[in-house]
Amino acid sequence: MWNDYGLTWGDAARVVLSAIALYLFVLLLIRFLGQRTMASLSSWDLAAAVALGAVVGRAILGYTPTLLAGALGLVTLLTLQALTGQLRRFPRAEAVVSNRAYLLMAGSEIVPANLWRTHVSEQEITVRLRLAGIRSRTEIAAVILEATGEISVLRVGIGIEPSFLANVKGAELIPAAFLAQPQD
C-alpha cells in the first residue's frame, strides 16, 4: 500500500530510524551545548535553528521527500517527544534528559565558572537585569539560569525559600542574608 504513495517499507523504516537517531543526536547536542541553545533566540540564533531544522528534516525524509514520509517523520518525532515527557517523571531519566539550573550571580557577584559552563555572557545577564527592572546590583539576591534556558532574577527583600534552590548548581554561594529564615 505504501508504494502507491511513494514510500516503500524500507523507506518507511529508514524515515523512522533516521528520525529516532537525529532526535537523540539533537538532544545530545543541546545537552552538551547548554540550555541557552534554544531559549530566547536572537535573529542569528533563529536563523541557525531554521537551518538546523532544514538539515534534520532533509536527513529524515531522504533525497525525494513525500507526503507520507513527512507525516511518518512527524509522527515519529512527536511520539519521541511524548515518550521523553513521560520518562521525565522518573528522577534518573529527568537527570539524563533535562539540564540543571545554574546560579549565575550570588548577590552582586557573578559566578564566572557557571557563566562559562552555561555559555551565558555578562551582556546577556545585563539585558535580563534591565528587563527585570534592576537599577543597581544591590537589588540582586540571585540570578539563575533555569533548566528551560530562561534567566530568573531574584530580588533582595523577601528571603529566598531554600527549597526553591534545591536543584540549582552553585546555590550554596548565595549569601545567607538573602535566604528565608526558618520559622520557629
N, C-alpha and C. Protein backbone atom coordinates (compact mmCIF):
# COMPACT_ATOMS: atom_id res chain seq x y z
N MET A 1 0.82 -1.19 0.00
CA MET A 1 0.00 0.00 0.00
C MET A 1 0.87 1.26 0.00
N TRP A 2 1.92 1.29 0.81
CA TRP A 2 2.74 2.48 0.92
C TRP A 2 3.44 2.82 -0.38
N ASN A 3 3.69 1.79 -1.20
CA ASN A 3 4.33 2.01 -2.50
C ASN A 3 3.50 2.95 -3.37
N ASP A 4 2.17 2.86 -3.23
CA ASP A 4 1.29 3.71 -4.02
C ASP A 4 1.49 5.20 -3.69
N TYR A 5 2.01 5.49 -2.54
CA TYR A 5 2.21 6.87 -2.11
C TYR A 5 3.67 7.27 -2.11
N GLY A 6 4.50 6.49 -2.79
CA GLY A 6 5.90 6.84 -2.94
C GLY A 6 6.78 6.47 -1.76
N LEU A 7 6.34 5.49 -0.97
CA LEU A 7 7.11 5.10 0.21
C LEU A 7 7.09 3.58 0.35
N THR A 8 8.25 2.97 0.23
CA THR A 8 8.34 1.51 0.43
C THR A 8 8.47 1.23 1.92
N TRP A 9 8.34 -0.04 2.28
CA TRP A 9 8.52 -0.41 3.69
C TRP A 9 9.94 -0.09 4.14
N GLY A 10 10.90 -0.29 3.25
CA GLY A 10 12.29 0.04 3.57
C GLY A 10 12.47 1.53 3.79
N ASP A 11 11.82 2.34 2.92
CA ASP A 11 11.88 3.80 3.09
C ASP A 11 11.24 4.22 4.42
N ALA A 12 10.12 3.57 4.75
CA ALA A 12 9.43 3.89 6.00
C ALA A 12 10.33 3.58 7.20
N ALA A 13 11.00 2.45 7.16
CA ALA A 13 11.91 2.08 8.25
C ALA A 13 13.06 3.09 8.33
N ARG A 14 13.57 3.51 7.18
CA ARG A 14 14.66 4.48 7.16
C ARG A 14 14.21 5.82 7.75
N VAL A 15 13.00 6.25 7.43
CA VAL A 15 12.47 7.51 7.97
C VAL A 15 12.37 7.42 9.50
N VAL A 16 11.81 6.32 10.00
CA VAL A 16 11.64 6.16 11.44
C VAL A 16 13.00 6.09 12.14
N LEU A 17 13.91 5.29 11.62
CA LEU A 17 15.24 5.16 12.23
C LEU A 17 16.02 6.47 12.16
N SER A 18 15.92 7.17 11.04
CA SER A 18 16.60 8.47 10.91
C SER A 18 16.03 9.48 11.91
N ALA A 19 14.71 9.49 12.05
CA ALA A 19 14.08 10.42 12.99
C ALA A 19 14.52 10.13 14.42
N ILE A 20 14.57 8.85 14.78
CA ILE A 20 15.00 8.48 16.14
C ILE A 20 16.45 8.88 16.36
N ALA A 21 17.32 8.53 15.42
CA ALA A 21 18.75 8.84 15.56
C ALA A 21 18.99 10.35 15.63
N LEU A 22 18.34 11.11 14.77
CA LEU A 22 18.55 12.56 14.77
C LEU A 22 17.94 13.23 15.99
N TYR A 23 16.81 12.73 16.45
CA TYR A 23 16.20 13.26 17.68
C TYR A 23 17.17 13.09 18.85
N LEU A 24 17.71 11.89 18.99
CA LEU A 24 18.67 11.63 20.06
C LEU A 24 19.93 12.47 19.90
N PHE A 25 20.39 12.64 18.66
CA PHE A 25 21.58 13.44 18.41
C PHE A 25 21.34 14.91 18.76
N VAL A 26 20.19 15.45 18.38
CA VAL A 26 19.88 16.85 18.70
C VAL A 26 19.75 17.03 20.21
N LEU A 27 19.11 16.07 20.90
CA LEU A 27 19.03 16.14 22.36
C LEU A 27 20.43 16.16 22.99
N LEU A 28 21.30 15.29 22.49
CA LEU A 28 22.67 15.22 23.00
C LEU A 28 23.41 16.54 22.73
N LEU A 29 23.22 17.07 21.55
CA LEU A 29 23.88 18.33 21.18
C LEU A 29 23.42 19.48 22.07
N ILE A 30 22.12 19.57 22.29
CA ILE A 30 21.59 20.63 23.15
C ILE A 30 22.06 20.43 24.59
N ARG A 31 22.11 19.18 25.02
CA ARG A 31 22.59 18.88 26.37
C ARG A 31 24.05 19.30 26.51
N PHE A 32 24.86 19.04 25.49
CA PHE A 32 26.28 19.38 25.51
C PHE A 32 26.49 20.89 25.43
N LEU A 33 25.74 21.56 24.57
CA LEU A 33 25.93 22.99 24.36
C LEU A 33 25.24 23.85 25.42
N GLY A 34 24.31 23.27 26.16
CA GLY A 34 23.66 24.01 27.24
C GLY A 34 22.27 24.47 26.87
N GLN A 35 21.51 24.79 27.93
CA GLN A 35 20.11 25.12 27.74
C GLN A 35 19.86 26.45 27.04
N ARG A 36 20.85 27.31 26.97
CA ARG A 36 20.66 28.59 26.29
C ARG A 36 20.59 28.41 24.78
N THR A 37 20.95 27.24 24.29
CA THR A 37 20.97 26.99 22.85
C THR A 37 19.63 27.32 22.19
N MET A 38 18.53 26.98 22.84
CA MET A 38 17.23 27.17 22.21
C MET A 38 16.31 28.15 22.94
N ALA A 39 16.80 28.82 23.96
CA ALA A 39 15.97 29.77 24.71
C ALA A 39 16.27 31.20 24.25
N SER A 40 15.25 32.02 24.22
CA SER A 40 15.39 33.44 23.87
C SER A 40 16.27 33.64 22.65
N LEU A 41 15.83 33.13 21.53
CA LEU A 41 16.63 33.18 20.32
C LEU A 41 16.75 34.59 19.76
N SER A 42 17.97 34.99 19.44
CA SER A 42 18.19 36.24 18.72
C SER A 42 17.89 35.95 17.25
N SER A 43 17.95 36.96 16.40
CA SER A 43 17.68 36.72 14.98
C SER A 43 18.72 35.76 14.39
N TRP A 44 19.97 35.87 14.84
CA TRP A 44 21.02 34.95 14.37
C TRP A 44 20.73 33.52 14.83
N ASP A 45 20.34 33.37 16.11
CA ASP A 45 20.02 32.06 16.65
C ASP A 45 18.82 31.45 15.93
N LEU A 46 17.83 32.29 15.62
CA LEU A 46 16.64 31.81 14.92
C LEU A 46 17.01 31.30 13.53
N ALA A 47 17.87 32.03 12.83
CA ALA A 47 18.32 31.58 11.51
C ALA A 47 19.05 30.24 11.62
N ALA A 48 19.88 30.10 12.64
CA ALA A 48 20.60 28.84 12.84
C ALA A 48 19.63 27.70 13.16
N ALA A 49 18.59 27.99 13.97
CA ALA A 49 17.60 26.96 14.31
C ALA A 49 16.81 26.53 13.08
N VAL A 50 16.45 27.48 12.23
CA VAL A 50 15.74 27.14 10.99
C VAL A 50 16.62 26.28 10.10
N ALA A 51 17.89 26.65 9.98
CA ALA A 51 18.82 25.86 9.17
C ALA A 51 18.98 24.46 9.76
N LEU A 52 19.08 24.37 11.09
CA LEU A 52 19.18 23.07 11.75
C LEU A 52 17.95 22.22 11.45
N GLY A 53 16.78 22.83 11.53
CA GLY A 53 15.54 22.12 11.22
C GLY A 53 15.51 21.63 9.79
N ALA A 54 15.99 22.45 8.87
CA ALA A 54 16.02 22.05 7.46
C ALA A 54 16.96 20.87 7.24
N VAL A 55 18.12 20.91 7.88
CA VAL A 55 19.08 19.81 7.74
C VAL A 55 18.51 18.53 8.33
N VAL A 56 17.94 18.63 9.52
CA VAL A 56 17.36 17.45 10.17
C VAL A 56 16.20 16.91 9.33
N GLY A 57 15.34 17.81 8.86
CA GLY A 57 14.21 17.38 8.04
C GLY A 57 14.64 16.68 6.77
N ARG A 58 15.63 17.22 6.10
CA ARG A 58 16.13 16.60 4.86
C ARG A 58 16.74 15.24 5.16
N ALA A 59 17.49 15.16 6.25
CA ALA A 59 18.12 13.89 6.61
C ALA A 59 17.08 12.83 6.96
N ILE A 60 16.00 13.23 7.59
CA ILE A 60 14.96 12.27 7.95
C ILE A 60 14.19 11.82 6.71
N LEU A 61 13.83 12.75 5.84
CA LEU A 61 12.97 12.43 4.70
C LEU A 61 13.70 11.80 3.53
N GLY A 62 14.99 12.04 3.42
CA GLY A 62 15.74 11.43 2.33
C GLY A 62 15.78 12.33 1.10
N TYR A 63 16.29 11.76 0.01
CA TYR A 63 16.55 12.52 -1.21
C TYR A 63 15.28 13.12 -1.80
N THR A 64 14.24 12.31 -1.94
CA THR A 64 12.98 12.79 -2.52
C THR A 64 11.88 12.68 -1.47
N PRO A 65 11.58 13.76 -0.79
CA PRO A 65 10.56 13.70 0.26
C PRO A 65 9.17 13.47 -0.33
N THR A 66 8.37 12.73 0.40
CA THR A 66 6.98 12.51 0.01
C THR A 66 6.08 12.92 1.17
N LEU A 67 4.82 13.10 0.87
CA LEU A 67 3.86 13.48 1.91
C LEU A 67 3.81 12.43 3.00
N LEU A 68 3.77 11.18 2.62
CA LEU A 68 3.69 10.10 3.59
C LEU A 68 4.96 10.02 4.45
N ALA A 69 6.11 10.21 3.83
CA ALA A 69 7.37 10.20 4.59
C ALA A 69 7.38 11.36 5.58
N GLY A 70 6.90 12.52 5.16
CA GLY A 70 6.83 13.67 6.06
C GLY A 70 5.91 13.41 7.24
N ALA A 71 4.74 12.83 6.95
CA ALA A 71 3.79 12.51 8.02
C ALA A 71 4.39 11.48 8.98
N LEU A 72 5.04 10.47 8.43
CA LEU A 72 5.67 9.44 9.26
C LEU A 72 6.80 10.03 10.11
N GLY A 73 7.59 10.91 9.53
CA GLY A 73 8.65 11.58 10.28
C GLY A 73 8.09 12.41 11.42
N LEU A 74 7.02 13.17 11.14
CA LEU A 74 6.39 13.99 12.19
C LEU A 74 5.81 13.14 13.31
N VAL A 75 5.12 12.06 12.93
CA VAL A 75 4.55 11.17 13.94
C VAL A 75 5.65 10.57 14.80
N THR A 76 6.75 10.18 14.17
CA THR A 76 7.87 9.61 14.93
C THR A 76 8.45 10.64 15.90
N LEU A 77 8.70 11.86 15.43
CA LEU A 77 9.26 12.90 16.29
C LEU A 77 8.32 13.27 17.44
N LEU A 78 7.02 13.39 17.14
CA LEU A 78 6.06 13.72 18.20
C LEU A 78 5.91 12.59 19.20
N THR A 79 6.00 11.35 18.73
CA THR A 79 5.96 10.20 19.63
C THR A 79 7.18 10.20 20.54
N LEU A 80 8.35 10.47 19.97
CA LEU A 80 9.57 10.55 20.78
C LEU A 80 9.47 11.66 21.82
N GLN A 81 8.89 12.79 21.42
CA GLN A 81 8.73 13.90 22.36
C GLN A 81 7.79 13.51 23.49
N ALA A 82 6.70 12.83 23.17
CA ALA A 82 5.76 12.39 24.20
C ALA A 82 6.41 11.37 25.13
N LEU A 83 7.16 10.44 24.58
CA LEU A 83 7.86 9.44 25.40
C LEU A 83 8.89 10.11 26.31
N THR A 84 9.60 11.08 25.78
CA THR A 84 10.58 11.80 26.59
C THR A 84 9.87 12.51 27.75
N GLY A 85 8.73 13.11 27.46
CA GLY A 85 7.95 13.77 28.51
C GLY A 85 7.52 12.80 29.60
N GLN A 86 7.11 11.60 29.20
CA GLN A 86 6.71 10.59 30.19
C GLN A 86 7.91 10.11 31.00
N LEU A 87 9.04 9.94 30.34
CA LEU A 87 10.25 9.48 31.03
C LEU A 87 10.74 10.49 32.07
N ARG A 88 10.47 11.76 31.83
CA ARG A 88 10.93 12.82 32.74
C ARG A 88 10.27 12.72 34.11
N ARG A 89 9.23 11.92 34.23
CA ARG A 89 8.59 11.73 35.54
C ARG A 89 9.47 10.92 36.48
N PHE A 90 10.43 10.19 35.92
CA PHE A 90 11.33 9.37 36.73
C PHE A 90 12.62 10.14 36.98
N PRO A 91 13.05 10.21 38.24
CA PRO A 91 14.23 11.04 38.58
C PRO A 91 15.48 10.74 37.76
N ARG A 92 15.79 9.48 37.53
CA ARG A 92 17.01 9.15 36.77
C ARG A 92 16.90 9.65 35.33
N ALA A 93 15.75 9.42 34.72
CA ALA A 93 15.55 9.87 33.33
C ALA A 93 15.56 11.39 33.27
N GLU A 94 14.96 12.03 34.26
CA GLU A 94 14.95 13.50 34.32
C GLU A 94 16.37 14.04 34.37
N ALA A 95 17.22 13.39 35.15
CA ALA A 95 18.62 13.83 35.27
C ALA A 95 19.36 13.69 33.95
N VAL A 96 19.02 12.68 33.16
CA VAL A 96 19.69 12.46 31.87
C VAL A 96 19.16 13.41 30.81
N VAL A 97 17.85 13.59 30.77
CA VAL A 97 17.20 14.35 29.70
C VAL A 97 17.25 15.86 29.93
N SER A 98 17.10 16.28 31.17
CA SER A 98 16.97 17.71 31.46
C SER A 98 18.29 18.33 31.87
N ASN A 99 18.40 19.62 31.62
CA ASN A 99 19.54 20.39 32.09
C ASN A 99 19.30 20.81 33.53
N ARG A 100 20.35 21.16 34.22
CA ARG A 100 20.25 21.67 35.58
C ARG A 100 20.13 23.19 35.55
N ALA A 101 19.59 23.71 36.63
CA ALA A 101 19.60 25.16 36.81
C ALA A 101 20.96 25.54 37.40
N TYR A 102 21.46 26.71 37.01
CA TYR A 102 22.77 27.18 37.47
C TYR A 102 22.66 28.58 38.05
N LEU A 103 23.36 28.80 39.15
CA LEU A 103 23.45 30.13 39.74
C LEU A 103 24.45 30.94 38.92
N LEU A 104 24.01 32.08 38.38
CA LEU A 104 24.89 32.94 37.59
C LEU A 104 25.41 34.12 38.40
N MET A 105 24.59 34.58 39.35
CA MET A 105 25.02 35.66 40.24
C MET A 105 24.55 35.33 41.65
N ALA A 106 25.43 35.51 42.62
CA ALA A 106 25.09 35.37 44.03
C ALA A 106 25.21 36.77 44.62
N GLY A 107 24.07 37.39 44.89
CA GLY A 107 24.09 38.79 45.28
C GLY A 107 24.61 39.60 44.10
N SER A 108 25.56 40.46 44.34
CA SER A 108 26.08 41.29 43.24
C SER A 108 27.27 40.65 42.53
N GLU A 109 27.66 39.46 42.97
CA GLU A 109 28.85 38.79 42.42
C GLU A 109 28.48 37.79 41.32
N ILE A 110 29.15 37.92 40.19
CA ILE A 110 28.98 36.97 39.09
C ILE A 110 29.74 35.69 39.42
N VAL A 111 29.20 34.55 39.01
CA VAL A 111 29.86 33.25 39.21
C VAL A 111 30.47 32.86 37.86
N PRO A 112 31.73 33.23 37.60
CA PRO A 112 32.35 33.04 36.28
C PRO A 112 32.34 31.59 35.79
N ALA A 113 32.58 30.64 36.68
CA ALA A 113 32.62 29.23 36.27
C ALA A 113 31.27 28.79 35.69
N ASN A 114 30.17 29.26 36.28
CA ASN A 114 28.86 28.88 35.77
C ASN A 114 28.51 29.62 34.48
N LEU A 115 29.01 30.84 34.32
CA LEU A 115 28.82 31.55 33.04
C LEU A 115 29.49 30.76 31.94
N TRP A 116 30.72 30.35 32.19
CA TRP A 116 31.48 29.59 31.18
C TRP A 116 30.79 28.27 30.87
N ARG A 117 30.36 27.56 31.92
CA ARG A 117 29.74 26.24 31.76
C ARG A 117 28.42 26.32 30.98
N THR A 118 27.68 27.41 31.16
CA THR A 118 26.36 27.53 30.54
C THR A 118 26.36 28.36 29.25
N HIS A 119 27.52 28.88 28.87
CA HIS A 119 27.64 29.68 27.64
C HIS A 119 26.79 30.95 27.70
N VAL A 120 26.68 31.54 28.88
CA VAL A 120 25.95 32.79 29.06
C VAL A 120 26.98 33.91 29.22
N SER A 121 26.75 35.02 28.54
CA SER A 121 27.68 36.15 28.64
C SER A 121 27.19 37.14 29.70
N GLU A 122 28.11 37.96 30.17
CA GLU A 122 27.74 39.02 31.11
C GLU A 122 26.75 39.98 30.46
N GLN A 123 26.88 40.17 29.15
CA GLN A 123 25.95 41.05 28.43
C GLN A 123 24.52 40.49 28.50
N GLU A 124 24.37 39.18 28.35
CA GLU A 124 23.03 38.57 28.46
C GLU A 124 22.44 38.78 29.85
N ILE A 125 23.28 38.66 30.86
CA ILE A 125 22.81 38.89 32.23
C ILE A 125 22.38 40.35 32.39
N THR A 126 23.18 41.27 31.88
CA THR A 126 22.86 42.70 31.98
C THR A 126 21.51 42.99 31.32
N VAL A 127 21.27 42.42 30.15
CA VAL A 127 19.99 42.61 29.46
C VAL A 127 18.85 42.09 30.32
N ARG A 128 19.02 40.89 30.88
CA ARG A 128 17.96 40.30 31.70
C ARG A 128 17.71 41.13 32.97
N LEU A 129 18.78 41.67 33.54
CA LEU A 129 18.62 42.52 34.73
C LEU A 129 17.82 43.78 34.39
N ARG A 130 18.12 44.38 33.24
CA ARG A 130 17.36 45.57 32.82
C ARG A 130 15.90 45.21 32.60
N LEU A 131 15.64 44.08 31.94
CA LEU A 131 14.26 43.66 31.69
C LEU A 131 13.50 43.41 32.99
N ALA A 132 14.23 42.99 34.03
CA ALA A 132 13.61 42.73 35.33
C ALA A 132 13.45 44.01 36.16
N GLY A 133 13.90 45.14 35.61
CA GLY A 133 13.75 46.41 36.32
C GLY A 133 14.81 46.65 37.38
N ILE A 134 15.90 45.92 37.31
CA ILE A 134 17.00 46.10 38.27
C ILE A 134 17.76 47.37 37.89
N ARG A 135 17.95 48.25 38.87
CA ARG A 135 18.66 49.50 38.64
C ARG A 135 20.04 49.52 39.28
N SER A 136 20.28 48.59 40.20
CA SER A 136 21.56 48.54 40.90
C SER A 136 21.85 47.10 41.31
N ARG A 137 23.12 46.74 41.32
CA ARG A 137 23.50 45.38 41.73
C ARG A 137 23.09 45.10 43.18
N THR A 138 22.88 46.13 43.96
CA THR A 138 22.48 45.92 45.36
C THR A 138 21.06 45.37 45.47
N GLU A 139 20.30 45.41 44.39
CA GLU A 139 18.93 44.87 44.39
C GLU A 139 18.90 43.37 44.12
N ILE A 140 20.04 42.77 43.77
CA ILE A 140 20.08 41.38 43.32
C ILE A 140 20.38 40.43 44.48
N ALA A 141 19.51 39.45 44.67
CA ALA A 141 19.78 38.36 45.61
C ALA A 141 20.43 37.21 44.85
N ALA A 142 19.87 36.89 43.67
CA ALA A 142 20.41 35.80 42.86
C ALA A 142 19.93 35.93 41.43
N VAL A 143 20.75 35.46 40.51
CA VAL A 143 20.36 35.33 39.10
C VAL A 143 20.60 33.87 38.75
N ILE A 144 19.56 33.22 38.23
CA ILE A 144 19.61 31.78 37.98
C ILE A 144 19.26 31.49 36.53
N LEU A 145 20.09 30.68 35.88
CA LEU A 145 19.74 30.14 34.57
C LEU A 145 18.92 28.89 34.83
N GLU A 146 17.65 28.95 34.49
CA GLU A 146 16.75 27.83 34.74
C GLU A 146 17.02 26.68 33.76
N ALA A 147 16.53 25.51 34.09
CA ALA A 147 16.71 24.34 33.23
C ALA A 147 16.09 24.56 31.85
N THR A 148 15.11 25.47 31.76
CA THR A 148 14.45 25.76 30.49
C THR A 148 15.25 26.70 29.60
N GLY A 149 16.31 27.31 30.17
CA GLY A 149 17.11 28.27 29.43
C GLY A 149 16.75 29.71 29.73
N GLU A 150 15.68 29.93 30.47
CA GLU A 150 15.30 31.28 30.87
C GLU A 150 16.16 31.73 32.04
N ILE A 151 16.32 33.03 32.18
CA ILE A 151 17.09 33.58 33.29
C ILE A 151 16.14 34.24 34.28
N SER A 152 16.20 33.78 35.55
CA SER A 152 15.38 34.34 36.62
C SER A 152 16.21 35.30 37.45
N VAL A 153 15.58 36.40 37.84
CA VAL A 153 16.24 37.38 38.70
C VAL A 153 15.45 37.43 40.01
N LEU A 154 16.13 37.10 41.11
CA LEU A 154 15.51 37.15 42.44
C LEU A 154 16.05 38.38 43.16
N ARG A 155 15.13 39.18 43.67
CA ARG A 155 15.50 40.45 44.30
C ARG A 155 15.74 40.30 45.80
N VAL A 156 16.50 41.25 46.31
CA VAL A 156 16.71 41.37 47.74
C VAL A 156 15.38 41.82 48.35
N GLY A 157 15.12 41.42 49.56
CA GLY A 157 13.89 41.84 50.24
C GLY A 157 13.33 40.66 50.99
N ILE A 158 12.41 39.97 50.38
CA ILE A 158 11.87 38.76 51.00
C ILE A 158 12.88 37.64 50.76
N GLY A 159 13.21 36.91 51.83
CA GLY A 159 14.21 35.85 51.74
C GLY A 159 13.79 34.74 50.78
N ILE A 160 14.77 34.13 50.16
CA ILE A 160 14.52 33.04 49.21
C ILE A 160 14.33 31.75 50.01
N GLU A 161 13.23 31.08 49.75
CA GLU A 161 12.97 29.81 50.41
C GLU A 161 14.00 28.78 49.93
N PRO A 162 14.74 28.14 50.83
CA PRO A 162 15.78 27.19 50.43
C PRO A 162 15.30 26.08 49.49
N SER A 163 14.05 25.66 49.62
CA SER A 163 13.55 24.59 48.75
C SER A 163 13.50 25.04 47.29
N PHE A 164 13.42 26.35 47.05
CA PHE A 164 13.43 26.87 45.68
C PHE A 164 14.80 26.72 45.03
N LEU A 165 15.82 26.49 45.84
CA LEU A 165 17.20 26.40 45.34
C LEU A 165 17.72 24.96 45.34
N ALA A 166 16.83 24.00 45.61
CA ALA A 166 17.24 22.60 45.80
C ALA A 166 18.04 22.04 44.62
N ASN A 167 17.68 22.35 43.41
CA ASN A 167 18.35 21.76 42.25
C ASN A 167 19.20 22.78 41.48
N VAL A 168 19.60 23.84 42.15
CA VAL A 168 20.38 24.89 41.49
C VAL A 168 21.86 24.68 41.80
N LYS A 169 22.63 24.44 40.75
CA LYS A 169 24.08 24.24 40.92
C LYS A 169 24.72 25.56 41.32
N GLY A 170 25.39 25.56 42.47
CA GLY A 170 26.05 26.76 42.97
C GLY A 170 25.22 27.54 43.98
N ALA A 171 24.03 27.04 44.34
CA ALA A 171 23.14 27.76 45.26
C ALA A 171 23.79 28.04 46.61
N GLU A 172 24.77 27.22 46.98
CA GLU A 172 25.44 27.41 48.27
C GLU A 172 26.22 28.73 48.33
N LEU A 173 26.42 29.36 47.17
CA LEU A 173 27.15 30.64 47.12
C LEU A 173 26.28 31.84 47.47
N ILE A 174 24.97 31.64 47.52
CA ILE A 174 24.07 32.76 47.84
C ILE A 174 24.26 33.12 49.31
N PRO A 175 24.52 34.39 49.59
CA PRO A 175 24.71 34.81 50.99
C PRO A 175 23.49 34.47 51.85
N ALA A 176 23.76 34.02 53.07
CA ALA A 176 22.69 33.61 53.99
C ALA A 176 21.69 34.74 54.24
N ALA A 177 22.15 35.98 54.14
CA ALA A 177 21.26 37.13 54.37
C ALA A 177 20.12 37.18 53.36
N PHE A 178 20.28 36.52 52.21
CA PHE A 178 19.25 36.55 51.17
C PHE A 178 18.30 35.36 51.26
N LEU A 179 18.55 34.46 52.20
CA LEU A 179 17.72 33.26 52.34
C LEU A 179 16.66 33.48 53.41
N ALA A 180 15.50 32.84 53.22
CA ALA A 180 14.43 32.93 54.22
C ALA A 180 14.88 32.19 55.47
N GLN A 181 14.60 32.79 56.61
CA GLN A 181 14.96 32.16 57.88
C GLN A 181 13.85 31.20 58.28
N PRO A 182 14.22 30.02 58.83
CA PRO A 182 13.20 29.05 59.25
C PRO A 182 12.29 29.64 60.32
N GLN A 183 11.00 29.34 60.20
CA GLN A 183 10.01 29.82 61.18
C GLN A 183 10.02 28.90 62.40
N ASP A 184 10.06 29.47 63.58
CA ASP A 184 10.05 28.67 64.82
C ASP A 184 8.65 28.37 65.25
